[in-house]
Amino acid sequence: MVYHFDFDPVWRGFPKLLGGLALGLEMAVVSLLIGTFIGLLCAFARVSRIRALSRAVWLYVEFIRNSPILLLIFFVYFGLPQVGIYALDKYKSFMLTLAVYAGAYLTEVFRVGLASMPSRYVDAAKAIGLRPLQRQVYVVFPVLFRIVLPSLSNNFISLFKDTSLATAIAVPELTFQAREIDTYTFRVIEVWLVASGLYLATCYTIAFLLRLVERRYAVIR
């Protein structure tokens, strides 16, 4: 049996695929921003001298990193309404889950970044009389983000790919739109070839742009 390729149905639905791609990127960006905030707070808590706080963050990181993200998505979307929390629609619940998931990984990224911070930057800040809060804002944060930028880039690409799981709760991102076209046209190979190409092209573009940023802002050790 010879398979005859027919991409016409896919091209007719291509605007929907692009819309789903844009939605996935938007959700990944929002989740990364919230996850970065969570990761920063938890990283400082993790290295604090308050043992109970450090332990609580460790439990959060270990629980999230060892739980399947799809299970977490179902828990937030289907589980929270069972305990009276109805404020989250499918978009917000997915981005919240993705942000919490990213925050667990970024906690370790920032913790390692803090541990590898060149001491001369902090010493110079102390030498010119900066107060502790000023040292954090003007010295530690800028240098820290430069150190962890490669890891942040990788996490963003990973989060973008994870947005494909949103199809499980009917969020119309790229995978959901591809499945819709597949259902109505039966062009299985063509649809998923195009969807895979869009994911691949987007990830390579993101990686290329972020590598340029990394080289521009690399920390001189």
Protein backbone atom coordinates (compact mmCIF):
# COMPACT_ATOMS: atom_id res chain seq x y z
CA MET A 1 0.00 0.00 0.00
CA VAL A 2 1.40 3.40 -1.03
CA TYR A 3 0.63 6.40 1.15
CA HIS A 4 -0.24 9.57 -0.78
CA PHE A 5 0.69 12.77 0.98
CA ASP A 6 -1.84 15.57 0.91
CA PHE A 7 -0.88 18.70 2.81
CA ASP A 8 -3.76 20.87 1.56
CA PRO A 9 -6.02 20.24 4.60
CA VAL A 10 -3.08 21.08 6.87
CA TRP A 11 -2.30 24.34 5.06
CA ARG A 12 -5.95 25.37 5.32
CA GLY A 13 -5.71 24.92 9.09
CA PHE A 14 -2.23 26.47 9.31
CA PRO A 15 -3.47 29.75 10.89
CA LYS A 16 -4.89 27.69 13.76
CA LEU A 17 -1.53 26.00 14.21
CA LEU A 18 0.22 29.37 14.32
CA GLY A 19 -2.34 30.62 16.84
CA GLY A 20 -1.70 27.57 19.00
CA LEU A 21 2.05 28.14 18.69
CA ALA A 22 1.69 31.76 19.83
CA LEU A 23 -0.45 30.68 22.79
CA GLY A 24 2.16 28.12 23.81
CA LEU A 25 4.92 30.73 23.71
CA GLU A 26 2.82 33.13 25.75
CA MET A 27 2.11 30.52 28.41
CA ALA A 28 5.79 29.55 28.54
CA VAL A 29 6.91 33.17 29.00
CA VAL A 30 4.36 33.88 31.76
CA SER A 31 5.20 30.61 33.52
CA LEU A 32 8.93 31.32 33.32
CA LEU A 33 8.49 34.80 34.82
CA ILE A 34 6.39 33.51 37.72
CA GLY A 35 8.66 30.48 38.12
CA THR A 36 11.71 32.74 38.23
CA PHE A 37 10.15 34.75 41.07
CA ILE A 38 9.32 31.53 42.94
CA GLY A 39 12.79 30.13 42.29
CA LEU A 40 14.54 33.25 43.56
CA LEU A 41 12.55 33.36 46.79
CA CYS A 42 13.02 29.65 47.40
CA ALA A 43 16.74 29.76 46.56
CA PHE A 44 17.38 32.43 49.18
CA ALA A 45 15.22 30.49 51.63
CA ARG A 46 17.15 27.33 50.79
CA VAL A 47 20.50 28.89 51.71
CA SER A 48 19.15 30.73 54.74
CA ARG A 49 20.16 29.83 58.28
CA ILE A 50 16.54 29.16 59.24
CA ARG A 51 16.55 25.38 59.21
CA ALA A 52 12.75 24.92 59.09
CA LEU A 53 12.44 27.27 56.08
CA SER A 54 15.29 25.58 54.24
CA ARG A 55 13.77 22.18 54.92
CA ALA A 56 10.33 23.26 53.70
CA VAL A 57 11.81 24.49 50.41
CA TRP A 58 13.76 21.24 50.04
CA LEU A 59 10.52 19.26 50.45
CA TYR A 60 8.78 21.44 47.83
CA VAL A 61 11.62 20.99 45.34
CA GLU A 62 11.86 17.23 45.85
CA PHE A 63 8.09 16.71 45.65
CA ILE A 64 7.62 18.73 42.46
CA ARG A 65 10.71 17.44 40.66
CA ASN A 66 9.74 13.84 41.37
CA SER A 67 6.09 14.20 40.34
CA PRO A 68 4.93 13.83 36.72
CA ILE A 69 3.89 17.23 35.42
CA LEU A 70 0.75 15.76 33.83
CA LEU A 71 -0.35 14.53 37.25
CA LEU A 72 0.19 18.03 38.65
CA ILE A 73 -1.85 19.55 35.82
CA PHE A 74 -4.77 17.23 36.56
CA PHE A 75 -4.46 17.86 40.30
CA VAL A 76 -4.67 21.65 39.91
CA TYR A 77 -7.35 21.71 37.21
CA PHE A 78 -9.63 18.94 38.51
CA GLY A 79 -8.61 18.78 42.18
CA LEU A 80 -8.73 22.40 43.36
CA PRO A 81 -12.43 22.87 42.46
CA GLN A 82 -13.19 19.88 44.69
CA VAL A 83 -11.94 21.85 47.69
CA GLY A 84 -13.79 25.05 46.76
CA ILE A 85 -11.21 26.86 44.61
CA TYR A 86 -12.98 27.88 41.40
CA ALA A 87 -11.05 31.03 40.48
CA LEU A 88 -8.77 29.31 37.98
CA ASP A 89 -9.86 28.59 34.42
CA LYS A 90 -7.97 26.09 32.26
CA TYR A 91 -5.45 28.69 31.10
CA LYS A 92 -4.62 30.03 34.56
CA SER A 93 -4.53 26.58 36.14
CA PHE A 94 -2.10 25.33 33.51
CA MET A 95 0.20 28.35 33.78
CA LEU A 96 0.14 28.11 37.56
CA THR A 97 1.10 24.45 37.39
CA LEU A 98 3.86 25.15 34.89
CA ALA A 99 5.16 28.06 37.01
CA VAL A 100 5.26 25.96 40.19
CA TYR A 101 6.95 23.17 38.24
CA ALA A 102 9.51 25.58 36.81
CA GLY A 103 10.02 27.18 40.20
CA ALA A 104 11.21 23.89 41.70
CA TYR A 105 13.90 23.49 39.05
CA LEU A 106 14.87 27.16 39.10
CA THR A 107 15.27 27.02 42.88
CA GLU A 108 18.22 24.68 42.40
CA VAL A 109 19.50 26.73 39.47
CA PHE A 110 19.58 29.91 41.57
CA ARG A 111 20.94 28.08 44.61
CA VAL A 112 23.90 26.83 42.60
CA GLY A 113 24.29 30.29 41.06
CA LEU A 114 24.49 31.86 44.50
CA ALA A 115 27.07 29.28 45.57
CA SER A 116 29.22 29.99 42.51
CA MET A 117 29.01 33.78 42.80
CA PRO A 118 32.58 35.19 42.50
CA SER A 119 33.36 36.66 45.91
CA ARG A 120 35.18 39.66 44.47
CA TYR A 121 31.88 41.23 43.37
CA VAL A 122 30.43 41.15 46.88
CA ASP A 123 33.76 42.24 48.38
CA ALA A 124 33.89 45.24 46.04
CA ALA A 125 30.31 46.16 46.97
CA LYS A 126 31.22 46.06 50.66
CA ALA A 127 34.35 48.10 50.00
CA ILE A 128 32.37 50.99 48.50
CA GLY A 129 29.95 50.97 51.43
CA LEU A 130 26.81 49.40 49.92
CA ARG A 131 24.29 48.21 52.48
CA PRO A 132 23.09 44.54 52.41
CA LEU A 133 19.91 45.31 50.44
CA GLN A 134 21.82 47.48 48.00
CA ARG A 135 24.37 44.71 47.50
CA GLN A 136 21.57 42.28 46.64
CA VAL A 137 19.83 44.64 44.21
CA TYR A 138 22.80 46.23 42.47
CA VAL A 139 25.42 43.47 42.61
CA VAL A 140 24.12 40.00 43.51
CA PHE A 141 21.00 39.91 41.30
CA PRO A 142 22.65 41.21 38.09
CA VAL A 143 25.63 38.87 38.43
CA LEU A 144 23.44 35.94 39.48
CA PHE A 145 21.23 36.25 36.40
CA ARG A 146 24.30 36.36 34.17
CA ILE A 147 25.64 33.19 35.78
CA VAL A 148 22.38 31.23 35.45
CA LEU A 149 21.37 32.60 32.04
CA PRO A 150 22.26 29.35 30.18
CA SER A 151 20.12 27.34 32.61
CA LEU A 152 17.27 29.85 32.31
CA SER A 153 17.46 29.48 28.52
CA ASN A 154 17.25 25.71 28.73
CA ASN A 155 14.35 25.91 31.16
CA PHE A 156 12.44 28.25 28.87
CA ILE A 157 12.81 25.86 25.93
CA SER A 158 11.75 22.96 28.14
CA LEU A 159 8.71 24.89 29.38
CA PHE A 160 7.69 25.73 25.83
CA LYS A 161 7.77 22.05 24.91
CA ASP A 162 5.84 21.19 28.07
CA THR A 163 2.98 23.44 26.93
CA SER A 164 1.99 20.57 24.62
CA LEU A 165 0.61 18.86 27.74
CA ALA A 166 -2.04 21.57 28.00
CA THR A 167 -3.99 19.69 25.37
CA ALA A 168 -4.97 17.26 28.17
CA ILE A 169 -7.27 19.95 29.61
CA ALA A 170 -8.38 21.34 26.23
CA VAL A 171 -6.15 24.42 26.10
CA PRO A 172 -5.97 25.25 22.36
CA GLU A 173 -2.20 25.37 21.97
CA LEU A 174 -0.29 23.86 19.05
CA THR A 175 -0.71 20.16 19.91
CA PHE A 176 -4.43 20.63 20.56
CA GLN A 177 -4.91 22.40 17.22
CA ALA A 178 -2.92 19.71 15.40
CA ARG A 179 -5.05 17.00 16.97
CA GLU A 180 -8.22 18.86 15.92
CA ILE A 181 -7.04 19.04 12.30
CA ASP A 182 -6.01 15.37 12.44
CA THR A 183 -9.46 14.40 13.76
CA TYR A 184 -11.37 16.16 10.99
CA THR A 185 -9.04 15.49 8.03
CA PHE A 186 -7.43 12.11 8.88
CA ARG A 187 -4.10 13.42 7.53
CA VAL A 188 -2.17 12.01 10.47
CA ILE A 189 1.37 12.06 9.08
CA GLU A 190 1.04 15.44 7.40
CA VAL A 191 -0.42 17.18 10.46
CA TRP A 192 2.16 15.90 12.88
CA LEU A 193 5.04 16.52 10.48
CA VAL A 194 4.02 20.17 10.24
CA ALA A 195 3.43 20.47 14.00
CA SER A 196 6.80 18.87 14.73
CA GLY A 197 8.45 21.24 12.27
CA LEU A 198 6.89 24.22 14.03
CA TYR A 199 8.10 23.01 17.43
CA LEU A 200 11.58 22.32 16.05
CA ALA A 201 11.90 25.66 14.26
CA THR A 202 10.64 27.58 17.28
CA CYS A 203 12.96 25.83 19.72
CA TYR A 204 15.99 26.35 17.48
CA THR A 205 15.10 30.02 17.04
CA ILE A 206 14.71 30.51 20.79
CA ALA A 207 18.00 28.69 21.44
CA PHE A 208 19.85 30.78 18.84
CA LEU A 209 18.57 34.09 20.20
CA LEU A 210 19.25 33.14 23.81
CA ARG A 211 22.79 31.99 22.98
CA LEU A 212 23.44 35.45 21.56
CA VAL A 213 22.20 36.98 24.82
CA GLU A 214 24.36 34.57 26.84
CA ARG A 215 27.52 35.54 24.94
CA ARG A 216 26.68 39.23 25.33
CA TYR A 217 26.19 39.04 29.09
CA ALA A 218 28.63 36.29 30.08
CA VAL A 219 30.26 36.76 33.47
CA ILE A 220 34.02 37.28 33.40
CA ARG A 221 35.45 34.97 36.03
